[in-house]
mmCIF file of all heavy atoms, coordinates in Angstrom:
data_MODEL
# 
_entry.id   MODEL 
# 
loop_
_atom_site.group_PDB 
_atom_site.id 
_atom_site.type_symbol 
_atom_site.label_atom_id 
_atom_site.label_alt_id 
_atom_site.label_comp_id 
_atom_site.label_asym_id 
_atom_site.label_entity_id 
_atom_site.label_seq_id 
_atom_site.pdbx_PDB_ins_code 
_atom_site.Cartn_x 
_atom_site.Cartn_y 
_atom_site.Cartn_z 
_atom_site.occupancy 
_atom_site.B_iso_or_equiv 
_atom_site.pdbx_formal_charge 
_atom_site.auth_seq_id 
_atom_site.auth_comp_id 
_atom_site.auth_asym_id 
_atom_site.auth_atom_id 
_atom_site.pdbx_PDB_model_num 
ATOM 1   N N   . HIS A 1 1  ? 103.455 108.172 96.604  1.00 0.00 ? 1  HIS A N   1 
ATOM 2   C CA  . HIS A 1 1  ? 103.351 109.284 97.557  1.00 0.00 ? 1  HIS A CA  1 
ATOM 3   C C   . HIS A 1 1  ? 102.489 108.930 98.768  1.00 0.00 ? 1  HIS A C   1 
ATOM 4   O O   . HIS A 1 1  ? 102.631 109.529 99.828  1.00 0.00 ? 1  HIS A O   1 
ATOM 5   C CB  . HIS A 1 1  ? 102.781 110.511 96.846  1.00 0.00 ? 1  HIS A CB  1 
ATOM 6   C CG  . HIS A 1 1  ? 103.610 110.976 95.684  1.00 0.00 ? 1  HIS A CG  1 
ATOM 7   N ND1 . HIS A 1 1  ? 104.869 111.508 95.846  1.00 0.00 ? 1  HIS A ND1 1 
ATOM 8   C CD2 . HIS A 1 1  ? 103.372 110.949 94.347  1.00 0.00 ? 1  HIS A CD2 1 
ATOM 9   C CE1 . HIS A 1 1  ? 105.368 111.812 94.660  1.00 0.00 ? 1  HIS A CE1 1 
ATOM 10  N NE2 . HIS A 1 1  ? 104.494 111.482 93.739  1.00 0.00 ? 1  HIS A NE2 1 
ATOM 11  N N   . GLU A 1 2  ? 101.607 107.972 98.615  1.00 0.00 ? 2  GLU A N   1 
ATOM 12  C CA  . GLU A 1 2  ? 100.687 107.624 99.695  1.00 0.00 ? 2  GLU A CA  1 
ATOM 13  C C   . GLU A 1 2  ? 101.384 106.718 100.716 1.00 0.00 ? 2  GLU A C   1 
ATOM 14  O O   . GLU A 1 2  ? 102.164 105.835 100.360 1.00 0.00 ? 2  GLU A O   1 
ATOM 15  C CB  . GLU A 1 2  ? 99.472  106.885 99.110  1.00 0.00 ? 2  GLU A CB  1 
ATOM 16  C CG  . GLU A 1 2  ? 98.367  106.633 100.110 1.00 0.00 ? 2  GLU A CG  1 
ATOM 17  C CD  . GLU A 1 2  ? 97.169  105.970 99.454  1.00 0.00 ? 2  GLU A CD  1 
ATOM 18  O OE1 . GLU A 1 2  ? 97.238  105.664 98.247  1.00 0.00 ? 2  GLU A OE1 1 
ATOM 19  O OE2 . GLU A 1 2  ? 96.179  105.760 100.161 1.00 0.00 ? 2  GLU A OE2 1 
ATOM 20  N N   . VAL A 1 3  ? 101.130 106.966 101.985 1.00 0.00 ? 3  VAL A N   1 
ATOM 21  C CA  . VAL A 1 3  ? 101.627 106.086 103.042 1.00 0.00 ? 3  VAL A CA  1 
ATOM 22  C C   . VAL A 1 3  ? 100.732 104.857 103.106 1.00 0.00 ? 3  VAL A C   1 
ATOM 23  O O   . VAL A 1 3  ? 99.523  104.977 103.321 1.00 0.00 ? 3  VAL A O   1 
ATOM 24  C CB  . VAL A 1 3  ? 101.654 106.807 104.404 1.00 0.00 ? 3  VAL A CB  1 
ATOM 25  C CG1 . VAL A 1 3  ? 102.115 105.853 105.495 1.00 0.00 ? 3  VAL A CG1 1 
ATOM 26  C CG2 . VAL A 1 3  ? 102.576 108.020 104.345 1.00 0.00 ? 3  VAL A CG2 1 
ATOM 27  N N   . LEU A 1 4  ? 101.300 103.676 102.920 1.00 0.00 ? 4  LEU A N   1 
ATOM 28  C CA  . LEU A 1 4  ? 100.522 102.447 102.863 1.00 0.00 ? 4  LEU A CA  1 
ATOM 29  C C   . LEU A 1 4  ? 100.690 101.636 104.149 1.00 0.00 ? 4  LEU A C   1 
ATOM 30  O O   . LEU A 1 4  ? 101.728 101.720 104.808 1.00 0.00 ? 4  LEU A O   1 
ATOM 31  C CB  . LEU A 1 4  ? 100.963 101.606 101.661 1.00 0.00 ? 4  LEU A CB  1 
ATOM 32  C CG  . LEU A 1 4  ? 100.815 102.293 100.291 1.00 0.00 ? 4  LEU A CG  1 
ATOM 33  C CD1 . LEU A 1 4  ? 101.389 101.411 99.196  1.00 0.00 ? 4  LEU A CD1 1 
ATOM 34  C CD2 . LEU A 1 4  ? 99.361  102.619 100.004 1.00 0.00 ? 4  LEU A CD2 1 
ATOM 35  N N   . PRO A 1 5  ? 99.722  100.823 104.482 1.00 0.00 ? 5  PRO A N   1 
ATOM 36  C CA  . PRO A 1 5  ? 99.800  100.036 105.726 1.00 0.00 ? 5  PRO A CA  1 
ATOM 37  C C   . PRO A 1 5  ? 100.597 98.740  105.578 1.00 0.00 ? 5  PRO A C   1 
ATOM 38  O O   . PRO A 1 5  ? 100.521 97.877  106.463 1.00 0.00 ? 5  PRO A O   1 
ATOM 39  C CB  . PRO A 1 5  ? 98.322  99.741  106.023 1.00 0.00 ? 5  PRO A CB  1 
ATOM 40  C CG  . PRO A 1 5  ? 97.686  99.675  104.676 1.00 0.00 ? 5  PRO A CG  1 
ATOM 41  C CD  . PRO A 1 5  ? 98.399  100.701 103.836 1.00 0.00 ? 5  PRO A CD  1 
ATOM 42  N N   . ILE A 1 6  ? 101.321 98.583  104.497 1.00 0.00 ? 6  ILE A N   1 
ATOM 43  C CA  . ILE A 1 6  ? 102.153 97.400  104.265 1.00 0.00 ? 6  ILE A CA  1 
ATOM 44  C C   . ILE A 1 6  ? 103.560 97.869  103.915 1.00 0.00 ? 6  ILE A C   1 
ATOM 45  O O   . ILE A 1 6  ? 103.768 99.020  103.504 1.00 0.00 ? 6  ILE A O   1 
ATOM 46  C CB  . ILE A 1 6  ? 101.580 96.515  103.137 1.00 0.00 ? 6  ILE A CB  1 
ATOM 47  C CG1 . ILE A 1 6  ? 101.455 97.317  101.844 1.00 0.00 ? 6  ILE A CG1 1 
ATOM 48  C CG2 . ILE A 1 6  ? 100.240 95.909  103.543 1.00 0.00 ? 6  ILE A CG2 1 
ATOM 49  C CD1 . ILE A 1 6  ? 101.025 96.491  100.643 1.00 0.00 ? 6  ILE A CD1 1 
ATOM 50  N N   . PRO A 1 7  ? 104.559 96.994  104.045 1.00 0.00 ? 7  PRO A N   1 
ATOM 51  C CA  . PRO A 1 7  ? 105.932 97.384  103.702 1.00 0.00 ? 7  PRO A CA  1 
ATOM 52  C C   . PRO A 1 7  ? 106.086 97.733  102.215 1.00 0.00 ? 7  PRO A C   1 
ATOM 53  O O   . PRO A 1 7  ? 105.498 97.080  101.348 1.00 0.00 ? 7  PRO A O   1 
ATOM 54  C CB  . PRO A 1 7  ? 106.757 96.143  104.053 1.00 0.00 ? 7  PRO A CB  1 
ATOM 55  C CG  . PRO A 1 7  ? 105.920 95.372  105.008 1.00 0.00 ? 7  PRO A CG  1 
ATOM 56  C CD  . PRO A 1 7  ? 104.507 95.633  104.614 1.00 0.00 ? 7  PRO A CD  1 
ATOM 57  N N   . VAL A 1 8  ? 106.867 98.769  101.947 1.00 0.00 ? 8  VAL A N   1 
ATOM 58  C CA  . VAL A 1 8  ? 107.179 99.184  100.577 1.00 0.00 ? 8  VAL A CA  1 
ATOM 59  C C   . VAL A 1 8  ? 108.697 99.250  100.438 1.00 0.00 ? 8  VAL A C   1 
ATOM 60  O O   . VAL A 1 8  ? 109.372 99.902  101.238 1.00 0.00 ? 8  VAL A O   1 
ATOM 61  C CB  . VAL A 1 8  ? 106.570 100.557 100.241 1.00 0.00 ? 8  VAL A CB  1 
ATOM 62  C CG1 . VAL A 1 8  ? 107.019 101.016 98.845  1.00 0.00 ? 8  VAL A CG1 1 
ATOM 63  C CG2 . VAL A 1 8  ? 105.056 100.508 100.312 1.00 0.00 ? 8  VAL A CG2 1 
ATOM 64  N N   . VAL A 1 9  ? 109.213 98.555  99.431  1.00 0.00 ? 9  VAL A N   1 
ATOM 65  C CA  . VAL A 1 9  ? 110.640 98.637  99.098  1.00 0.00 ? 9  VAL A CA  1 
ATOM 66  C C   . VAL A 1 9  ? 110.735 99.272  97.724  1.00 0.00 ? 9  VAL A C   1 
ATOM 67  O O   . VAL A 1 9  ? 110.155 98.767  96.748  1.00 0.00 ? 9  VAL A O   1 
ATOM 68  C CB  . VAL A 1 9  ? 111.304 97.245  99.106  1.00 0.00 ? 9  VAL A CB  1 
ATOM 69  C CG1 . VAL A 1 9  ? 112.757 97.361  98.659  1.00 0.00 ? 9  VAL A CG1 1 
ATOM 70  C CG2 . VAL A 1 9  ? 111.226 96.629  100.497 1.00 0.00 ? 9  VAL A CG2 1 
ATOM 71  N N   . ALA A 1 10 ? 111.449 100.374 97.642  1.00 0.00 ? 10 ALA A N   1 
ATOM 72  C CA  . ALA A 1 10 ? 111.542 101.138 96.393  1.00 0.00 ? 10 ALA A CA  1 
ATOM 73  C C   . ALA A 1 10 ? 112.914 100.951 95.757  1.00 0.00 ? 10 ALA A C   1 
ATOM 74  O O   . ALA A 1 10 ? 113.935 101.252 96.376  1.00 0.00 ? 10 ALA A O   1 
ATOM 75  C CB  . ALA A 1 10 ? 111.287 102.617 96.661  1.00 0.00 ? 10 ALA A CB  1 
ATOM 76  N N   . VAL A 1 11 ? 112.939 100.444 94.539  1.00 0.00 ? 11 VAL A N   1 
ATOM 77  C CA  . VAL A 1 11 ? 114.177 100.327 93.770  1.00 0.00 ? 11 VAL A CA  1 
ATOM 78  C C   . VAL A 1 11 ? 114.263 101.565 92.887  1.00 0.00 ? 11 VAL A C   1 
ATOM 79  O O   . VAL A 1 11 ? 113.441 101.752 91.982  1.00 0.00 ? 11 VAL A O   1 
ATOM 80  C CB  . VAL A 1 11 ? 114.200 99.050  92.918  1.00 0.00 ? 11 VAL A CB  1 
ATOM 81  C CG1 . VAL A 1 11 ? 115.499 98.969  92.125  1.00 0.00 ? 11 VAL A CG1 1 
ATOM 82  C CG2 . VAL A 1 11 ? 114.031 97.814  93.786  1.00 0.00 ? 11 VAL A CG2 1 
ATOM 83  N N   . SER A 1 12 ? 115.234 102.431 93.161  1.00 0.00 ? 12 SER A N   1 
ATOM 84  C CA  . SER A 1 12 ? 115.381 103.701 92.432  1.00 0.00 ? 12 SER A CA  1 
ATOM 85  C C   . SER A 1 12 ? 114.087 104.518 92.486  1.00 0.00 ? 12 SER A C   1 
ATOM 86  O O   . SER A 1 12 ? 113.734 105.202 91.524  1.00 0.00 ? 12 SER A O   1 
ATOM 87  C CB  . SER A 1 12 ? 115.782 103.453 90.974  1.00 0.00 ? 12 SER A CB  1 
ATOM 88  O OG  . SER A 1 12 ? 117.019 102.789 90.900  1.00 0.00 ? 12 SER A OG  1 
ATOM 89  N N   . GLY A 1 13 ? 113.400 104.452 93.596  1.00 0.00 ? 13 GLY A N   1 
ATOM 90  C CA  . GLY A 1 13 ? 112.162 105.210 93.739  1.00 0.00 ? 13 GLY A CA  1 
ATOM 91  C C   . GLY A 1 13 ? 112.346 106.500 94.510  1.00 0.00 ? 13 GLY A C   1 
ATOM 92  O O   . GLY A 1 13 ? 111.570 107.434 94.373  1.00 0.00 ? 13 GLY A O   1 
ATOM 93  N N   . HIS A 1 14 ? 113.380 106.545 95.375  1.00 0.00 ? 14 HIS A N   1 
ATOM 94  C CA  . HIS A 1 14 ? 113.710 107.739 96.145  1.00 0.00 ? 14 HIS A CA  1 
ATOM 95  C C   . HIS A 1 14 ? 112.500 108.254 96.916  1.00 0.00 ? 14 HIS A C   1 
ATOM 96  O O   . HIS A 1 14 ? 112.155 109.435 96.873  1.00 0.00 ? 14 HIS A O   1 
ATOM 97  C CB  . HIS A 1 14 ? 114.282 108.829 95.239  1.00 0.00 ? 14 HIS A CB  1 
ATOM 98  C CG  . HIS A 1 14 ? 115.420 108.357 94.382  1.00 0.00 ? 14 HIS A CG  1 
ATOM 99  N ND1 . HIS A 1 14 ? 116.684 108.145 94.884  1.00 0.00 ? 14 HIS A ND1 1 
ATOM 100 C CD2 . HIS A 1 14 ? 115.481 108.023 93.072  1.00 0.00 ? 14 HIS A CD2 1 
ATOM 101 C CE1 . HIS A 1 14 ? 117.479 107.718 93.909  1.00 0.00 ? 14 HIS A CE1 1 
ATOM 102 N NE2 . HIS A 1 14 ? 116.773 107.630 92.805  1.00 0.00 ? 14 HIS A NE2 1 
ATOM 103 N N   . ILE A 1 15 ? 111.846 107.344 97.636  1.00 0.00 ? 15 ILE A N   1 
ATOM 104 C CA  . ILE A 1 15 ? 110.695 107.714 98.470  1.00 0.00 ? 15 ILE A CA  1 
ATOM 105 C C   . ILE A 1 15 ? 111.223 108.119 99.835  1.00 0.00 ? 15 ILE A C   1 
ATOM 106 O O   . ILE A 1 15 ? 111.727 107.283 100.588 1.00 0.00 ? 15 ILE A O   1 
ATOM 107 C CB  . ILE A 1 15 ? 109.706 106.535 98.589  1.00 0.00 ? 15 ILE A CB  1 
ATOM 108 C CG1 . ILE A 1 15 ? 109.211 106.097 97.203  1.00 0.00 ? 15 ILE A CG1 1 
ATOM 109 C CG2 . ILE A 1 15 ? 108.524 106.930 99.465  1.00 0.00 ? 15 ILE A CG2 1 
ATOM 110 C CD1 . ILE A 1 15 ? 108.363 104.839 97.222  1.00 0.00 ? 15 ILE A CD1 1 
ATOM 111 N N   . ARG A 1 16 ? 111.139 109.385 100.161 1.00 0.00 ? 16 ARG A N   1 
ATOM 112 C CA  . ARG A 1 16 ? 111.755 109.908 101.371 1.00 0.00 ? 16 ARG A CA  1 
ATOM 113 C C   . ARG A 1 16 ? 110.789 109.923 102.546 1.00 0.00 ? 16 ARG A C   1 
ATOM 114 O O   . ARG A 1 16 ? 110.212 110.942 102.906 1.00 0.00 ? 16 ARG A O   1 
ATOM 115 C CB  . ARG A 1 16 ? 112.294 111.316 101.109 1.00 0.00 ? 16 ARG A CB  1 
ATOM 116 C CG  . ARG A 1 16 ? 113.400 111.358 100.079 1.00 0.00 ? 16 ARG A CG  1 
ATOM 117 C CD  . ARG A 1 16 ? 114.622 110.627 100.581 1.00 0.00 ? 16 ARG A CD  1 
ATOM 118 N NE  . ARG A 1 16 ? 115.661 110.529 99.559  1.00 0.00 ? 16 ARG A NE  1 
ATOM 119 C CZ  . ARG A 1 16 ? 116.315 109.428 99.278  1.00 0.00 ? 16 ARG A CZ  1 
ATOM 120 N NH1 . ARG A 1 16 ? 116.024 108.317 99.923  1.00 0.00 ? 16 ARG A NH1 1 
ATOM 121 N NH2 . ARG A 1 16 ? 117.251 109.405 98.346  1.00 0.00 ? 16 ARG A NH2 1 
ATOM 122 N N   . ARG A 1 17 ? 110.573 108.744 103.124 1.00 0.00 ? 17 ARG A N   1 
ATOM 123 C CA  . ARG A 1 17 ? 109.790 108.661 104.363 1.00 0.00 ? 17 ARG A CA  1 
ATOM 124 C C   . ARG A 1 17 ? 110.146 107.351 105.058 1.00 0.00 ? 17 ARG A C   1 
ATOM 125 O O   . ARG A 1 17 ? 110.640 106.403 104.434 1.00 0.00 ? 17 ARG A O   1 
ATOM 126 C CB  . ARG A 1 17 ? 108.299 108.771 104.089 1.00 0.00 ? 17 ARG A CB  1 
ATOM 127 C CG  . ARG A 1 17 ? 107.730 107.721 103.173 1.00 0.00 ? 17 ARG A CG  1 
ATOM 128 C CD  . ARG A 1 17 ? 106.211 107.825 103.143 1.00 0.00 ? 17 ARG A CD  1 
ATOM 129 N NE  . ARG A 1 17 ? 105.627 106.785 102.316 1.00 0.00 ? 17 ARG A NE  1 
ATOM 130 C CZ  . ARG A 1 17 ? 105.317 106.927 101.038 1.00 0.00 ? 17 ARG A CZ  1 
ATOM 131 N NH1 . ARG A 1 17 ? 105.542 108.090 100.451 1.00 0.00 ? 17 ARG A NH1 1 
ATOM 132 N NH2 . ARG A 1 17 ? 104.788 105.936 100.349 1.00 0.00 ? 17 ARG A NH2 1 
ATOM 133 N N   . THR A 1 18 ? 109.876 107.295 106.332 1.00 0.00 ? 18 THR A N   1 
ATOM 134 C CA  . THR A 1 18 ? 110.302 106.147 107.134 1.00 0.00 ? 18 THR A CA  1 
ATOM 135 C C   . THR A 1 18 ? 109.509 104.893 106.817 1.00 0.00 ? 18 THR A C   1 
ATOM 136 O O   . THR A 1 18 ? 109.922 103.792 107.181 1.00 0.00 ? 18 THR A O   1 
ATOM 137 C CB  . THR A 1 18 ? 110.160 106.467 108.631 1.00 0.00 ? 18 THR A CB  1 
ATOM 138 O OG1 . THR A 1 18 ? 108.808 106.855 108.898 1.00 0.00 ? 18 THR A OG1 1 
ATOM 139 C CG2 . THR A 1 18 ? 111.096 107.599 109.040 1.00 0.00 ? 18 THR A CG2 1 
ATOM 140 N N   . SER A 1 19 ? 108.370 105.015 106.139 1.00 0.00 ? 19 SER A N   1 
ATOM 141 C CA  . SER A 1 19 ? 107.549 103.843 105.858 1.00 0.00 ? 19 SER A CA  1 
ATOM 142 C C   . SER A 1 19 ? 108.013 103.079 104.622 1.00 0.00 ? 19 SER A C   1 
ATOM 143 O O   . SER A 1 19 ? 107.418 102.068 104.261 1.00 0.00 ? 19 SER A O   1 
ATOM 144 C CB  . SER A 1 19 ? 106.080 104.265 105.667 1.00 0.00 ? 19 SER A CB  1 
ATOM 145 O OG  . SER A 1 19 ? 105.969 105.186 104.596 1.00 0.00 ? 19 SER A OG  1 
ATOM 146 N N   . ALA A 1 20 ? 109.064 103.562 103.956 1.00 0.00 ? 20 ALA A N   1 
ATOM 147 C CA  . ALA A 1 20 ? 109.569 102.876 102.764 1.00 0.00 ? 20 ALA A CA  1 
ATOM 148 C C   . ALA A 1 20 ? 111.079 102.708 102.878 1.00 0.00 ? 20 ALA A C   1 
ATOM 149 O O   . ALA A 1 20 ? 111.774 103.540 103.460 1.00 0.00 ? 20 ALA A O   1 
ATOM 150 C CB  . ALA A 1 20 ? 109.226 103.669 101.506 1.00 0.00 ? 20 ALA A CB  1 
ATOM 151 N N   . ILE A 1 21 ? 111.566 101.601 102.315 1.00 0.00 ? 21 ILE A N   1 
ATOM 152 C CA  . ILE A 1 21 ? 113.003 101.351 102.264 1.00 0.00 ? 21 ILE A CA  1 
ATOM 153 C C   . ILE A 1 21 ? 113.464 101.526 100.817 1.00 0.00 ? 21 ILE A C   1 
ATOM 154 O O   . ILE A 1 21 ? 112.863 100.974 99.884  1.00 0.00 ? 21 ILE A O   1 
ATOM 155 C CB  . ILE A 1 21 ? 113.345 99.935  102.764 1.00 0.00 ? 21 ILE A CB  1 
ATOM 156 C CG1 . ILE A 1 21 ? 112.957 99.804  104.234 1.00 0.00 ? 21 ILE A CG1 1 
ATOM 157 C CG2 . ILE A 1 21 ? 114.822 99.636  102.587 1.00 0.00 ? 21 ILE A CG2 1 
ATOM 158 C CD1 . ILE A 1 21 ? 113.203 98.432  104.809 1.00 0.00 ? 21 ILE A CD1 1 
ATOM 159 N N   . ASN A 1 22 ? 114.525 102.281 100.623 1.00 0.00 ? 22 ASN A N   1 
ATOM 160 C CA  . ASN A 1 22 ? 115.026 102.567 99.287  1.00 0.00 ? 22 ASN A CA  1 
ATOM 161 C C   . ASN A 1 22 ? 116.267 101.736 98.970  1.00 0.00 ? 22 ASN A C   1 
ATOM 162 O O   . ASN A 1 22 ? 117.210 101.695 99.759  1.00 0.00 ? 22 ASN A O   1 
ATOM 163 C CB  . ASN A 1 22 ? 115.386 104.047 99.170  1.00 0.00 ? 22 ASN A CB  1 
ATOM 164 C CG  . ASN A 1 22 ? 114.171 104.946 99.235  1.00 0.00 ? 22 ASN A CG  1 
ATOM 165 O OD1 . ASN A 1 22 ? 113.500 105.151 98.237  1.00 0.00 ? 22 ASN A OD1 1 
ATOM 166 N ND2 . ASN A 1 22 ? 113.876 105.473 100.416 1.00 0.00 ? 22 ASN A ND2 1 
ATOM 167 N N   . ILE A 1 23 ? 116.241 101.081 97.817  1.00 0.00 ? 23 ILE A N   1 
ATOM 168 C CA  . ILE A 1 23 ? 117.434 100.423 97.283  1.00 0.00 ? 23 ILE A CA  1 
ATOM 169 C C   . ILE A 1 23 ? 117.994 101.393 96.253  1.00 0.00 ? 23 ILE A C   1 
ATOM 170 O O   . ILE A 1 23 ? 117.398 101.617 95.196  1.00 0.00 ? 23 ILE A O   1 
ATOM 171 C CB  . ILE A 1 23 ? 117.102 99.075  96.615  1.00 0.00 ? 23 ILE A CB  1 
ATOM 172 C CG1 . ILE A 1 23 ? 116.179 98.232  97.513  1.00 0.00 ? 23 ILE A CG1 1 
ATOM 173 C CG2 . ILE A 1 23 ? 118.377 98.336  96.262  1.00 0.00 ? 23 ILE A CG2 1 
ATOM 174 C CD1 . ILE A 1 23 ? 116.758 97.866  98.856  1.00 0.00 ? 23 ILE A CD1 1 
ATOM 175 N N   . GLU A 1 24 ? 119.134 102.001 96.559  1.00 0.00 ? 24 GLU A N   1 
ATOM 176 C CA  . GLU A 1 24 ? 119.620 103.114 95.752  1.00 0.00 ? 24 GLU A CA  1 
ATOM 177 C C   . GLU A 1 24 ? 121.037 102.880 95.250  1.00 0.00 ? 24 GLU A C   1 
ATOM 178 O O   . GLU A 1 24 ? 121.899 102.381 95.975  1.00 0.00 ? 24 GLU A O   1 
ATOM 179 C CB  . GLU A 1 24 ? 119.594 104.413 96.568  1.00 0.00 ? 24 GLU A CB  1 
ATOM 180 C CG  . GLU A 1 24 ? 118.208 104.831 97.012  1.00 0.00 ? 24 GLU A CG  1 
ATOM 181 C CD  . GLU A 1 24 ? 118.233 106.101 97.836  1.00 0.00 ? 24 GLU A CD  1 
ATOM 182 O OE1 . GLU A 1 24 ? 119.145 106.277 98.655  1.00 0.00 ? 24 GLU A OE1 1 
ATOM 183 O OE2 . GLU A 1 24 ? 117.323 106.919 97.648  1.00 0.00 ? 24 GLU A OE2 1 
# 
């Protein structure tokens, strides 16, 4: 849930914000 200062790639994480990329 926290916005981090590094890239985040979520596999089946469904993080809905522009700072994360979702692999769905």
